[in-house]
Amino acid sequence: MKGKIGLVVGLGVGYVLGTRAGRERYEQIKKQWLKLWHLDPVQAQVHKAQEFAKTQAAAVPKALWTGAVKVVKAATSDGTPGQRVDSTIATGKSAAKDVKDAVEETAESAAKKN
């Protein structure tokens, strides 16, 4: 029983001392990180990334939405079922190419920013 009490007391003391030292070290790391984060060159890069995201983030979803609308219109158009299937497949291929082009343009634009 004495061994268990000693273990619990030892763990308690170790925890208290460890958390005190751990918290101080954490605060040191946090302070250094914030100094680095607020440097002008870092903030300039952050601003560039934010601007790029604002301008390019909508390109791919817009292409996806436009393609989906075209495919639905092709599937519900007039004609025989075979004609509608053929039209839907052709429209789907075209929409997939448009999405691929939007993704490539966004990737190229991102590469130019770096």
PDB file of N, CA and C in Angstrom:
ATOM      1  N   MET A   1       0.813  -1.190   0.000  1.00  0.00           N
ATOM      2  CA  MET A   1       0.000   0.000   0.000  1.00  0.00           C
ATOM      3  C   MET A   1       0.861   1.260   0.000  1.00  0.00           C
ATOM      4  N   LYS A   2       1.985   1.225   0.745  1.00  0.00           N
ATOM      5  CA  LYS A   2       2.871   2.387   0.787  1.00  0.00           C
ATOM      6  C   LYS A   2       3.439   2.685  -0.593  1.00  0.00           C
ATOM      7  N   GLY A   3       3.709   1.613  -1.354  1.00  0.00           N
ATOM      8  CA  GLY A   3       4.240   1.795  -2.709  1.00  0.00           C
ATOM      9  C   GLY A   3       3.250   2.521  -3.616  1.00  0.00           C
ATOM     10  N   LYS A   4       1.987   2.181  -3.477  1.00  0.00           N
ATOM     11  CA  LYS A   4       0.954   2.818  -4.300  1.00  0.00           C
ATOM     12  C   LYS A   4       0.794   4.290  -3.930  1.00  0.00           C
ATOM     13  N   ILE A   5       0.820   4.582  -2.636  1.00  0.00           N
ATOM     14  CA  ILE A   5       0.699   5.970  -2.194  1.00  0.00           C
ATOM     15  C   ILE A   5       1.896   6.776  -2.682  1.00  0.00           C
ATOM     16  N   GLY A   6       3.076   6.185  -2.566  1.00  0.00           N
ATOM     17  CA  GLY A   6       4.285   6.864  -3.049  1.00  0.00           C
ATOM     18  C   GLY A   6       4.231   7.118  -4.551  1.00  0.00           C
ATOM     19  N   LEU A   7       3.697   6.139  -5.272  1.00  0.00           N
ATOM     20  CA  LEU A   7       3.560   6.300  -6.731  1.00  0.00           C
ATOM     21  C   LEU A   7       2.604   7.443  -7.059  1.00  0.00           C
ATOM     22  N   VAL A   8       1.476   7.493  -6.380  1.00  0.00           N
ATOM     23  CA  VAL A   8       0.486   8.545  -6.628  1.00  0.00           C
ATOM     24  C   VAL A   8       1.065   9.914  -6.273  1.00  0.00           C
ATOM     25  N   VAL A   9       1.759  10.005  -5.124  1.00  0.00           N
ATOM     26  CA  VAL A   9       2.361  11.273  -4.723  1.00  0.00           C
ATOM     27  C   VAL A   9       3.438  11.681  -5.725  1.00  0.00           C
ATOM     28  N   GLY A  10       4.246  10.731  -6.137  1.00  0.00           N
ATOM     29  CA  GLY A  10       5.298  11.012  -7.123  1.00  0.00           C
ATOM     30  C   GLY A  10       4.719  11.481  -8.445  1.00  0.00           C
ATOM     31  N   LEU A  11       3.672  10.820  -8.889  1.00  0.00           N
ATOM     32  CA  LEU A  11       3.015  11.244 -10.137  1.00  0.00           C
ATOM     33  C   LEU A  11       2.421  12.638  -9.994  1.00  0.00           C
ATOM     34  N   GLY A  12       1.834  12.927  -8.846  1.00  0.00           N
ATOM     35  CA  GLY A  12       1.240  14.249  -8.622  1.00  0.00           C
ATOM     36  C   GLY A  12       2.289  15.347  -8.643  1.00  0.00           C
ATOM     37  N   VAL A  13       3.393  15.127  -7.936  1.00  0.00           N
ATOM     38  CA  VAL A  13       4.473  16.121  -7.917  1.00  0.00           C
ATOM     39  C   VAL A  13       5.073  16.284  -9.306  1.00  0.00           C
ATOM     40  N   GLY A  14       5.301  15.176  -9.986  1.00  0.00           N
ATOM     41  CA  GLY A  14       5.847  15.233 -11.347  1.00  0.00           C
ATOM     42  C   GLY A  14       4.928  15.972 -12.304  1.00  0.00           C
ATOM     43  N   TYR A  15       3.629  15.729 -12.137  1.00  0.00           N
ATOM     44  CA  TYR A  15       2.654  16.416 -12.989  1.00  0.00           C
ATOM     45  C   TYR A  15       2.694  17.919 -12.765  1.00  0.00           C
ATOM     46  N   VAL A  16       2.680  18.333 -11.511  1.00  0.00           N
ATOM     47  CA  VAL A  16       2.678  19.764 -11.193  1.00  0.00           C
ATOM     48  C   VAL A  16       3.941  20.431 -11.719  1.00  0.00           C
ATOM     49  N   LEU A  17       5.096  19.825 -11.438  1.00  0.00           N
ATOM     50  CA  LEU A  17       6.349  20.419 -11.906  1.00  0.00           C
ATOM     51  C   LEU A  17       6.446  20.379 -13.436  1.00  0.00           C
ATOM     52  N   GLY A  18       6.006  19.296 -14.024  1.00  0.00           N
ATOM     53  CA  GLY A  18       6.065  19.162 -15.484  1.00  0.00           C
ATOM     54  C   GLY A  18       5.163  20.140 -16.201  1.00  0.00           C
ATOM     55  N   THR A  19       3.963  20.343 -15.675  1.00  0.00           N
ATOM     56  CA  THR A  19       3.056  21.274 -16.335  1.00  0.00           C
ATOM     57  C   THR A  19       3.551  22.705 -16.207  1.00  0.00           C
ATOM     58  N   ARG A  20       4.193  23.013 -15.085  1.00  0.00           N
ATOM     59  CA  ARG A  20       4.726  24.363 -14.912  1.00  0.00           C
ATOM     60  C   ARG A  20       5.837  24.609 -15.940  1.00  0.00           C
ATOM     61  N   ALA A  21       6.772  23.664 -16.055  1.00  0.00           N
ATOM     62  CA  ALA A  21       7.859  23.808 -17.032  1.00  0.00           C
ATOM     63  C   ALA A  21       7.318  23.725 -18.450  1.00  0.00           C
ATOM     64  N   GLY A  22       6.349  22.853 -18.656  1.00  0.00           N
ATOM     65  CA  GLY A  22       5.767  22.691 -19.994  1.00  0.00           C
ATOM     66  C   GLY A  22       5.060  23.948 -20.455  1.00  0.00           C
ATOM     67  N   ARG A  23       4.357  24.575 -19.560  1.00  0.00           N
ATOM     68  CA  ARG A  23       3.625  25.790 -19.906  1.00  0.00           C
ATOM     69  C   ARG A  23       4.596  26.924 -20.248  1.00  0.00           C
ATOM     70  N   GLU A  24       5.666  27.027 -19.465  1.00  0.00           N
ATOM     71  CA  GLU A  24       6.662  28.073 -19.738  1.00  0.00           C
ATOM     72  C   GLU A  24       7.300  27.859 -21.108  1.00  0.00           C
ATOM     73  N   ARG A  25       7.636  26.607 -21.421  1.00  0.00           N
ATOM     74  CA  ARG A  25       8.255  26.307 -22.721  1.00  0.00           C
ATOM     75  C   ARG A  25       7.260  26.573 -23.852  1.00  0.00           C
ATOM     76  N   TYR A  26       6.012  26.194 -23.622  1.00  0.00           N
ATOM     77  CA  TYR A  26       4.971  26.464 -24.609  1.00  0.00           C
ATOM     78  C   TYR A  26       4.848  27.958 -24.880  1.00  0.00           C
ATOM     79  N   GLU A  27       4.865  28.746 -23.836  1.00  0.00           N
ATOM     80  CA  GLU A  27       4.770  30.200 -23.995  1.00  0.00           C
ATOM     81  C   GLU A  27       5.970  30.751 -24.760  1.00  0.00           C
ATOM     82  N   GLN A  28       7.172  30.196 -24.517  1.00  0.00           N
ATOM     83  CA  GLN A  28       8.364  30.627 -25.260  1.00  0.00           C
ATOM     84  C   GLN A  28       8.209  30.325 -26.745  1.00  0.00           C
ATOM     85  N   ILE A  29       7.782  29.101 -27.052  1.00  0.00           N
ATOM     86  CA  ILE A  29       7.602  28.707 -28.454  1.00  0.00           C
ATOM     87  C   ILE A  29       6.540  29.575 -29.114  1.00  0.00           C
ATOM     88  N   LYS A  30       5.441  29.798 -28.415  1.00  0.00           N
ATOM     89  CA  LYS A  30       4.354  30.618 -28.955  1.00  0.00           C
ATOM     90  C   LYS A  30       4.834  32.045 -29.230  1.00  0.00           C
ATOM     91  N   LYS A  31       5.622  32.600 -28.308  1.00  0.00           N
ATOM     92  CA  LYS A  31       6.135  33.963 -28.468  1.00  0.00           C
ATOM     93  C   LYS A  31       7.028  34.061 -29.705  1.00  0.00           C
ATOM     94  N   GLN A  32       7.904  33.079 -29.897  1.00  0.00           N
ATOM     95  CA  GLN A  32       8.792  33.081 -31.062  1.00  0.00           C
ATOM     96  C   GLN A  32       7.994  32.911 -32.351  1.00  0.00           C
ATOM     97  N   TRP A  33       6.997  32.037 -32.324  1.00  0.00           N
ATOM     98  CA  TRP A  33       6.163  31.816 -33.503  1.00  0.00           C
ATOM     99  C   TRP A  33       5.427  33.104 -33.889  1.00  0.00           C
ATOM    100  N   LEU A  34       4.879  33.791 -32.916  1.00  0.00           N
ATOM    101  CA  LEU A  34       4.157  35.028 -33.209  1.00  0.00           C
ATOM    102  C   LEU A  34       5.083  36.110 -33.748  1.00  0.00           C
ATOM    103  N   LYS A  35       6.324  36.164 -33.248  1.00  0.00           N
ATOM    104  CA  LYS A  35       7.300  37.111 -33.799  1.00  0.00           C
ATOM    105  C   LYS A  35       7.542  36.816 -35.268  1.00  0.00           C
ATOM    106  N   LEU A  36       7.730  35.542 -35.578  1.00  0.00           N
ATOM    107  CA  LEU A  36       7.965  35.132 -36.963  1.00  0.00           C
ATOM    108  C   LEU A  36       6.741  35.421 -37.829  1.00  0.00           C
ATOM    109  N   TRP A  37       5.563  35.081 -37.321  1.00  0.00           N
ATOM    110  CA  TRP A  37       4.326  35.252 -38.089  1.00  0.00           C
ATOM    111  C   TRP A  37       4.085  36.713 -38.455  1.00  0.00           C
ATOM    112  N   HIS A  38       4.434  37.620 -37.584  1.00  0.00           N
ATOM    113  CA  HIS A  38       4.155  39.031 -37.818  1.00  0.00           C
ATOM    114  C   HIS A  38       5.256  39.770 -38.569  1.00  0.00           C
ATOM    115  N   LEU A  39       6.281  39.085 -39.008  1.00  0.00           N
ATOM    116  CA  LEU A  39       7.309  39.730 -39.839  1.00  0.00           C
ATOM    117  C   LEU A  39       6.701  40.148 -41.168  1.00  0.00           C
ATOM    118  N   ASP A  40       7.163  41.272 -41.710  1.00  0.00           N
ATOM    119  CA  ASP A  40       6.611  41.790 -42.959  1.00  0.00           C
ATOM    120  C   ASP A  40       6.724  40.810 -44.136  1.00  0.00           C
ATOM    121  N   PRO A  41       7.869  40.137 -44.336  1.00  0.00           N
ATOM    122  CA  PRO A  41       7.938  39.203 -45.468  1.00  0.00           C
ATOM    123  C   PRO A  41       6.929  38.051 -45.346  1.00  0.00           C
ATOM    124  N   VAL A  42       6.706  37.569 -44.133  1.00  0.00           N
ATOM    125  CA  VAL A  42       5.746  36.484 -43.935  1.00  0.00           C
ATOM    126  C   VAL A  42       4.335  36.989 -44.228  1.00  0.00           C
ATOM    127  N   GLN A  43       4.003  38.151 -43.720  1.00  0.00           N
ATOM    128  CA  GLN A  43       2.668  38.698 -43.941  1.00  0.00           C
ATOM    129  C   GLN A  43       2.434  39.023 -45.421  1.00  0.00           C
ATOM    130  N   ALA A  44       3.488  39.423 -46.128  1.00  0.00           N
ATOM    131  CA  ALA A  44       3.352  39.668 -47.568  1.00  0.00           C
ATOM    132  C   ALA A  44       2.971  38.381 -48.295  1.00  0.00           C
ATOM    133  N   GLN A  45       3.607  37.270 -47.919  1.00  0.00           N
ATOM    134  CA  GLN A  45       3.280  35.991 -48.547  1.00  0.00           C
ATOM    135  C   GLN A  45       1.875  35.528 -48.157  1.00  0.00           C
ATOM    136  N   VAL A  46       1.491  35.770 -46.924  1.00  0.00           N
ATOM    137  CA  VAL A  46       0.141  35.419 -46.484  1.00  0.00           C
ATOM    138  C   VAL A  46      -0.885  36.209 -47.292  1.00  0.00           C
ATOM    139  N   HIS A  47      -0.615  37.486 -47.486  1.00  0.00           N
ATOM    140  CA  HIS A  47      -1.532  38.329 -48.257  1.00  0.00           C
ATOM    141  C   HIS A  47      -1.635  37.828 -49.702  1.00  0.00           C
ATOM    142  N   LYS A  48      -0.503  37.462 -50.304  1.00  0.00           N
ATOM    143  CA  LYS A  48      -0.518  36.927 -51.671  1.00  0.00           C
ATOM    144  C   LYS A  48      -1.367  35.667 -51.749  1.00  0.00           C
ATOM    145  N   ALA A  49      -1.203  34.786 -50.783  1.00  0.00           N
ATOM    146  CA  ALA A  49      -1.970  33.541 -50.774  1.00  0.00           C
ATOM    147  C   ALA A  49      -3.462  33.806 -50.621  1.00  0.00           C
ATOM    148  N   GLN A  50      -3.814  34.757 -49.774  1.00  0.00           N
ATOM    149  CA  GLN A  50      -5.223  35.091 -49.582  1.00  0.00           C
ATOM    150  C   GLN A  50      -5.823  35.680 -50.852  1.00  0.00           C
ATOM    151  N   GLU A  51      -5.102  36.573 -51.508  1.00  0.00           N
ATOM    152  CA  GLU A  51      -5.601  37.177 -52.741  1.00  0.00           C
ATOM    153  C   GLU A  51      -5.767  36.135 -53.843  1.00  0.00           C
ATOM    154  N   PHE A  52      -4.796  35.240 -53.944  1.00  0.00           N
ATOM    155  CA  PHE A  52      -4.891  34.180 -54.951  1.00  0.00           C
ATOM    156  C   PHE A  52      -6.115  33.313 -54.688  1.00  0.00           C
ATOM    157  N   ALA A  53      -6.321  32.946 -53.430  1.00  0.00           N
ATOM    158  CA  ALA A  53      -7.471  32.107 -53.093  1.00  0.00           C
ATOM    159  C   ALA A  53      -8.785  32.806 -53.420  1.00  0.00           C
ATOM    160  N   LYS A  54      -8.841  34.109 -53.165  1.00  0.00           N
ATOM    161  CA  LYS A  54     -10.068  34.846 -53.460  1.00  0.00           C
ATOM    162  C   LYS A  54     -10.358  34.876 -54.957  1.00  0.00           C
ATOM    163  N   THR A  55      -9.324  35.056 -55.771  1.00  0.00           N
ATOM    164  CA  THR A  55      -9.547  35.191 -57.206  1.00  0.00           C
ATOM    165  C   THR A  55      -9.718  33.849 -57.917  1.00  0.00           C
ATOM    166  N   GLN A  56      -9.046  32.804 -57.437  1.00  0.00           N
ATOM    167  CA  GLN A  56      -9.050  31.539 -58.159  1.00  0.00           C
ATOM    168  C   GLN A  56      -9.969  30.473 -57.577  1.00  0.00           C
ATOM    169  N   ALA A  57     -10.415  30.647 -56.374  1.00  0.00           N
ATOM    170  CA  ALA A  57     -11.188  29.600 -55.711  1.00  0.00           C
ATOM    171  C   ALA A  57     -12.505  29.304 -56.417  1.00  0.00           C
ATOM    172  N   ALA A  58     -13.080  30.267 -57.090  1.00  0.00           N
ATOM    173  CA  ALA A  58     -14.378  30.064 -57.721  1.00  0.00           C
ATOM    174  C   ALA A  58     -14.290  29.481 -59.122  1.00  0.00           C
ATOM    175  N   ALA A  59     -13.123  29.414 -59.715  1.00  0.00           N
ATOM    176  CA  ALA A  59     -13.006  28.973 -61.106  1.00  0.00           C
ATOM    177  C   ALA A  59     -13.441  27.520 -61.295  1.00  0.00           C
ATOM    178  N   VAL A  60     -12.977  26.621 -60.476  1.00  0.00           N
ATOM    179  CA  VAL A  60     -13.299  25.204 -60.644  1.00  0.00           C
ATOM    180  C   VAL A  60     -14.760  24.912 -60.290  1.00  0.00           C
ATOM    181  N   PRO A  61     -15.277  25.372 -59.142  1.00  0.00           N
ATOM    182  CA  PRO A  61     -16.694  25.108 -58.859  1.00  0.00           C
ATOM    183  C   PRO A  61     -17.629  25.690 -59.934  1.00  0.00           C
ATOM    184  N   LYS A  62     -17.271  26.832 -60.490  1.00  0.00           N
ATOM    185  CA  LYS A  62     -18.102  27.423 -61.545  1.00  0.00           C
ATOM    186  C   LYS A  62     -18.126  26.506 -62.760  1.00  0.00           C
ATOM    187  N   ALA A  63     -16.971  25.966 -63.140  1.00  0.00           N
ATOM    188  CA  ALA A  63     -16.907  25.049 -64.277  1.00  0.00           C
ATOM    189  C   ALA A  63     -17.705  23.776 -63.987  1.00  0.00           C
ATOM    190  N   LEU A  64     -17.635  23.279 -62.763  1.00  0.00           N
ATOM    191  CA  LEU A  64     -18.410  22.090 -62.392  1.00  0.00           C
ATOM    192  C   LEU A  64     -19.913  22.360 -62.490  1.00  0.00           C
ATOM    193  N   TRP A  65     -20.326  23.485 -61.953  1.00  0.00           N
ATOM    194  CA  TRP A  65     -21.755  23.820 -61.976  1.00  0.00           C
ATOM    195  C   TRP A  65     -22.249  23.995 -63.409  1.00  0.00           C
ATOM    196  N   THR A  66     -21.517  24.724 -64.219  1.00  0.00           N
ATOM    197  CA  THR A  66     -21.914  24.938 -65.608  1.00  0.00           C
ATOM    198  C   THR A  66     -22.010  23.607 -66.345  1.00  0.00           C
ATOM    199  N   GLY A  67     -21.035  22.729 -66.135  1.00  0.00           N
ATOM    200  CA  GLY A  67     -21.059  21.417 -66.776  1.00  0.00           C
ATOM    201  C   GLY A  67     -22.247  20.593 -66.332  1.00  0.00           C
ATOM    202  N   ALA A  68     -22.557  20.626 -65.035  1.00  0.00           N
ATOM    203  CA  ALA A  68     -23.697  19.861 -64.535  1.00  0.00           C
ATOM    204  C   ALA A  68     -25.001  20.356 -65.147  1.00  0.00           C
ATOM    205  N   VAL A  69     -25.138  21.659 -65.266  1.00  0.00           N
ATOM    206  CA  VAL A  69     -26.353  22.226 -65.868  1.00  0.00           C
ATOM    207  C   VAL A  69     -26.474  21.789 -67.326  1.00  0.00           C
ATOM    208  N   LYS A  70     -25.372  21.822 -68.053  1.00  0.00           N
ATOM    209  CA  LYS A  70     -25.399  21.396 -69.459  1.00  0.00           C
ATOM    210  C   LYS A  70     -25.772  19.924 -69.597  1.00  0.00           C
ATOM    211  N   VAL A  71     -25.240  19.077 -68.727  1.00  0.00           N
ATOM    212  CA  VAL A  71     -25.540  17.642 -68.787  1.00  0.00           C
ATOM    213  C   VAL A  71     -27.013  17.393 -68.483  1.00  0.00           C
ATOM    214  N   VAL A  72     -27.554  18.074 -67.486  1.00  0.00           N
ATOM    215  CA  VAL A  72     -28.981  17.908 -67.158  1.00  0.00           C
ATOM    216  C   VAL A  72     -29.851  18.373 -68.321  1.00  0.00           C
ATOM    217  N   LYS A  73     -29.506  19.481 -68.925  1.00  0.00           N
ATOM    218  CA  LYS A  73     -30.287  19.960 -70.075  1.00  0.00           C
ATOM    219  C   LYS A  73     -30.224  18.965 -71.223  1.00  0.00           C
ATOM    220  N   ALA A  74     -29.044  18.382 -71.455  1.00  0.00           N
ATOM    221  CA  ALA A  74     -28.919  17.403 -72.531  1.00  0.00           C
ATOM    222  C   ALA A  74     -29.733  16.152 -72.221  1.00  0.00           C
ATOM    223  N   ALA A  75     -29.760  15.733 -70.982  1.00  0.00           N
ATOM    224  CA  ALA A  75     -30.490  14.528 -70.607  1.00  0.00           C
ATOM    225  C   ALA A  75     -31.999  14.719 -70.684  1.00  0.00           C
ATOM    226  N   THR A  76     -32.466  15.948 -70.527  1.00  0.00           N
ATOM    227  CA  THR A  76     -33.906  16.204 -70.535  1.00  0.00           C
ATOM    228  C   THR A  76     -34.373  16.848 -71.833  1.00  0.00           C
ATOM    229  N   SER A  77     -33.519  16.869 -72.843  1.00  0.00           N
ATOM    230  CA  SER A  77     -33.883  17.502 -74.118  1.00  0.00           C
ATOM    231  C   SER A  77     -34.847  16.618 -74.902  1.00  0.00           C
ATOM    232  N   ASP A  78     -35.375  17.183 -75.984  1.00  0.00           N
ATOM    233  CA  ASP A  78     -36.289  16.441 -76.850  1.00  0.00           C
ATOM    234  C   ASP A  78     -35.505  15.442 -77.686  1.00  0.00           C
ATOM    235  N   GLY A  79     -36.181  14.430 -78.145  1.00  0.00           N
ATOM    236  CA  GLY A  79     -35.558  13.430 -78.993  1.00  0.00           C
ATOM    237  C   GLY A  79     -35.804  12.030 -78.456  1.00  0.00           C
ATOM    238  N   THR A  80     -35.311  11.078 -79.199  1.00  0.00           N
ATOM    239  CA  THR A  80     -35.461   9.690 -78.762  1.00  0.00           C
ATOM    240  C   THR A  80     -34.520   9.434 -77.581  1.00  0.00           C
ATOM    241  N   PRO A  81     -34.802   8.372 -76.842  1.00  0.00           N
ATOM    242  CA  PRO A  81     -33.908   8.060 -75.717  1.00  0.00           C
ATOM    243  C   PRO A  81     -32.445   7.883 -76.161  1.00  0.00           C
ATOM    244  N   GLY A  82     -32.234   7.284 -77.297  1.00  0.00           N
ATOM    245  CA  GLY A  82     -30.872   7.100 -77.805  1.00  0.00           C
ATOM    246  C   GLY A  82     -30.201   8.432 -78.112  1.00  0.00           C
ATOM    247  N   GLN A  83     -30.961   9.357 -78.702  1.00  0.00           N
ATOM    248  CA  GLN A  83     -30.396  10.673 -78.994  1.00  0.00           C
ATOM    249  C   GLN A  83     -30.053  11.424 -77.705  1.00  0.00           C
ATOM    250  N   ARG A  84     -30.923  11.287 -76.710  1.00  0.00           N
ATOM    251  CA  ARG A  84     -30.653  11.963 -75.435  1.00  0.00           C
ATOM    252  C   ARG A  84     -29.415  11.381 -74.760  1.00  0.00           C
ATOM    253  N   VAL A  85     -29.260  10.068 -74.822  1.00  0.00           N
ATOM    254  CA  VAL A  85     -28.075   9.441 -74.225  1.00  0.00           C
ATOM    255  C   VAL A  85     -26.813   9.922 -74.942  1.00  0.00           C
ATOM    256  N   ASP A  86     -26.854   9.918 -76.269  1.00  0.00           N
ATOM    257  CA  ASP A  86     -25.691  10.374 -77.033  1.00  0.00           C
ATOM    258  C   ASP A  86     -25.365  11.835 -76.727  1.00  0.00           C
ATOM    259  N   SER A  87     -26.398  12.676 -76.666  1.00  0.00           N
ATOM    260  CA  SER A  87     -26.202  14.087 -76.363  1.00  0.00           C
ATOM    261  C   SER A  87     -25.644  14.277 -74.948  1.00  0.00           C
ATOM    262  N   THR A  88     -26.166  13.498 -74.010  1.00  0.00           N
ATOM    263  CA  THR A  88     -25.693  13.597 -72.621  1.00  0.00           C
ATOM    264  C   THR A  88     -24.237  13.174 -72.515  1.00  0.00           C
ATOM    265  N   ILE A  89     -23.848  12.107 -73.196  1.00  0.00           N
ATOM    266  CA  ILE A  89     -22.458  11.642 -73.168  1.00  0.00           C
ATOM    267  C   ILE A  89     -21.537  12.687 -73.775  1.00  0.00           C
ATOM    268  N   ALA A  90     -21.914  13.229 -74.922  1.00  0.00           N
ATOM    269  CA  ALA A  90     -21.085  14.257 -75.570  1.00  0.00           C
ATOM    270  C   ALA A  90     -20.966  15.492 -74.692  1.00  0.00           C
ATOM    271  N   THR A  91     -22.077  15.908 -74.105  1.00  0.00           N
ATOM    272  CA  THR A  91     -22.061  17.077 -73.228  1.00  0.00           C
ATOM    273  C   THR A  91     -21.219  16.807 -71.980  1.00  0.00           C
ATOM    274  N   GLY A  92     -21.312  15.604 -71.440  1.00  0.00           N
ATOM    275  CA  GLY A  92     -20.510  15.233 -70.268  1.00  0.00           C
ATOM    276  C   GLY A  92     -19.021  15.274 -70.575  1.00  0.00           C
ATOM    277  N   LYS A  93     -18.639  14.774 -71.740  1.00  0.00           N
ATOM    278  CA  LYS A  93     -17.226  14.820 -72.134  1.00  0.00           C
ATOM    279  C   LYS A  93     -16.754  16.261 -72.282  1.00  0.00           C
ATOM    280  N   SER A  94     -17.577  17.088 -72.887  1.00  0.00           N
ATOM    281  CA  SER A  94     -17.235  18.498 -73.055  1.00  0.00           C
ATOM    282  C   SER A  94     -17.120  19.192 -71.699  1.00  0.00           C
ATOM    283  N   ALA A  95     -18.044  18.898 -70.790  1.00  0.00           N
ATOM    284  CA  ALA A  95     -18.018  19.501 -69.460  1.00  0.00           C
ATOM    285  C   ALA A  95     -16.778  19.038 -68.689  1.00  0.00           C
ATOM    286  N   ALA A  96     -16.415  17.776 -68.824  1.00  0.00           N
ATOM    287  CA  ALA A  96     -15.220  17.269 -68.147  1.00  0.00           C
ATOM    288  C   ALA A  96     -13.976  17.973 -68.664  1.00  0.00           C
ATOM    289  N   LYS A  97     -13.930  18.238 -69.972  1.00  0.00           N
ATOM    290  CA  LYS A  97     -12.792  18.961 -70.549  1.00  0.00           C
ATOM    291  C   LYS A  97     -12.745  20.387 -70.012  1.00  0.00           C
ATOM    292  N   ASP A  98     -13.902  21.025 -69.893  1.00  0.00           N
ATOM    293  CA  ASP A  98     -13.948  22.389 -69.346  1.00  0.00           C
ATOM    294  C   ASP A  98     -13.444  22.432 -67.898  1.00  0.00           C
ATOM    295  N   VAL A  99     -13.838  21.440 -67.097  1.00  0.00           N
ATOM    296  CA  VAL A  99     -13.383  21.383 -65.704  1.00  0.00           C
ATOM    297  C   VAL A  99     -11.872  21.153 -65.667  1.00  0.00           C
ATOM    298  N   LYS A 100     -11.397  20.242 -66.517  1.00  0.00           N
ATOM    299  CA  LYS A 100      -9.959  19.969 -66.580  1.00  0.00           C
ATOM    300  C   LYS A 100      -9.196  21.238 -66.941  1.00  0.00           C
ATOM    301  N   ASP A 101      -9.702  21.979 -67.919  1.00  0.00           N
ATOM    302  CA  ASP A 101      -9.047  23.234 -68.323  1.00  0.00           C
ATOM    303  C   ASP A 101      -9.037  24.250 -67.178  1.00  0.00           C
ATOM    304  N   ALA A 102     -10.141  24.341 -66.430  1.00  0.00           N
ATOM    305  CA  ALA A 102     -10.211  25.275 -65.305  1.00  0.00           C
ATOM    306  C   ALA A 102      -9.202  24.891 -64.225  1.00  0.00           C
ATOM    307  N   VAL A 103      -9.071  23.600 -63.965  1.00  0.00           N
ATOM    308  CA  VAL A 103      -8.109  23.140 -62.961  1.00  0.00           C
ATOM    309  C   VAL A 103      -6.685  23.452 -63.414  1.00  0.00           C
ATOM    310  N   GLU A 104      -6.387  23.188 -64.685  1.00  0.00           N
ATOM    311  CA  GLU A 104      -5.040  23.456 -65.205  1.00  0.00           C
ATOM    312  C   GLU A 104      -4.719  24.944 -65.173  1.00  0.00           C
ATOM    313  N   GLU A 105      -5.691  25.791 -65.533  1.00  0.00           N
ATOM    314  CA  GLU A 105      -5.462  27.233 -65.497  1.00  0.00           C
ATOM    315  C   GLU A 105      -5.201  27.705 -64.066  1.00  0.00           C
ATOM    316  N   THR A 106      -5.942  27.157 -63.117  1.00  0.00           N
ATOM    317  CA  THR A 106      -5.737  27.528 -61.723  1.00  0.00           C
ATOM    318  C   THR A 106      -4.366  27.079 -61.242  1.00  0.00           C
ATOM    319  N   ALA A 107      -3.967  25.869 -61.627  1.00  0.00           N
ATOM    320  CA  ALA A 107      -2.648  25.366 -61.228  1.00  0.00           C
ATOM    321  C   ALA A 107      -1.526  26.187 -61.862  1.00  0.00           C
ATOM    322  N   GLU A 108      -1.682  26.549 -63.134  1.00  0.00           N
ATOM    323  CA  GLU A 108      -0.674  27.374 -63.799  1.00  0.00           C
ATOM    324  C   GLU A 108      -0.573  28.753 -63.144  1.00  0.00           C
ATOM    325  N   SER A 109      -1.725  29.302 -62.807  1.00  0.00           N
ATOM    326  CA  SER A 109      -1.742  30.607 -62.152  1.00  0.00           C
ATOM    327  C   SER A 109      -1.062  30.533 -60.790  1.00  0.00           C
ATOM    328  N   ALA A 110      -1.286  29.448 -60.073  1.00  0.00           N
ATOM    329  CA  ALA A 110      -0.635  29.271 -58.771  1.00  0.00           C
ATOM    330  C   ALA A 110       0.872  29.141 -58.937  1.00  0.00           C
ATOM    331  N   ALA A 111       1.313  28.438 -59.970  1.00  0.00           N
ATOM    332  CA  ALA A 111       2.747  28.269 -60.209  1.00  0.00           C
ATOM    333  C   ALA A 111       3.403  29.608 -60.566  1.00  0.00           C
ATOM    334  N   LYS A 112       2.701  30.449 -61.299  1.00  0.00           N
ATOM    335  CA  LYS A 112       3.249  31.763 -61.664  1.00  0.00           C
ATOM    336  C   LYS A 112       3.372  32.669 -60.451  1.00  0.00           C
ATOM    337  N   LYS A 113       2.465  32.503 -59.481  1.00  0.00           N
ATOM    338  CA  LYS A 113       2.501  33.340 -58.272  1.00  0.00           C
ATOM    339  C   LYS A 113       3.747  33.039 -57.442  1.00  0.00           C
ATOM    340  N   ASN A 114       4.223  31.799 -57.515  1.00  0.00           N
ATOM    341  CA  ASN A 114       5.410  31.422 -56.739  1.00  0.00           C
ATOM    342  C   ASN A 114       6.602  31.838 -57.493  1.00  0.00           C
TER     343      ASN A 114
END
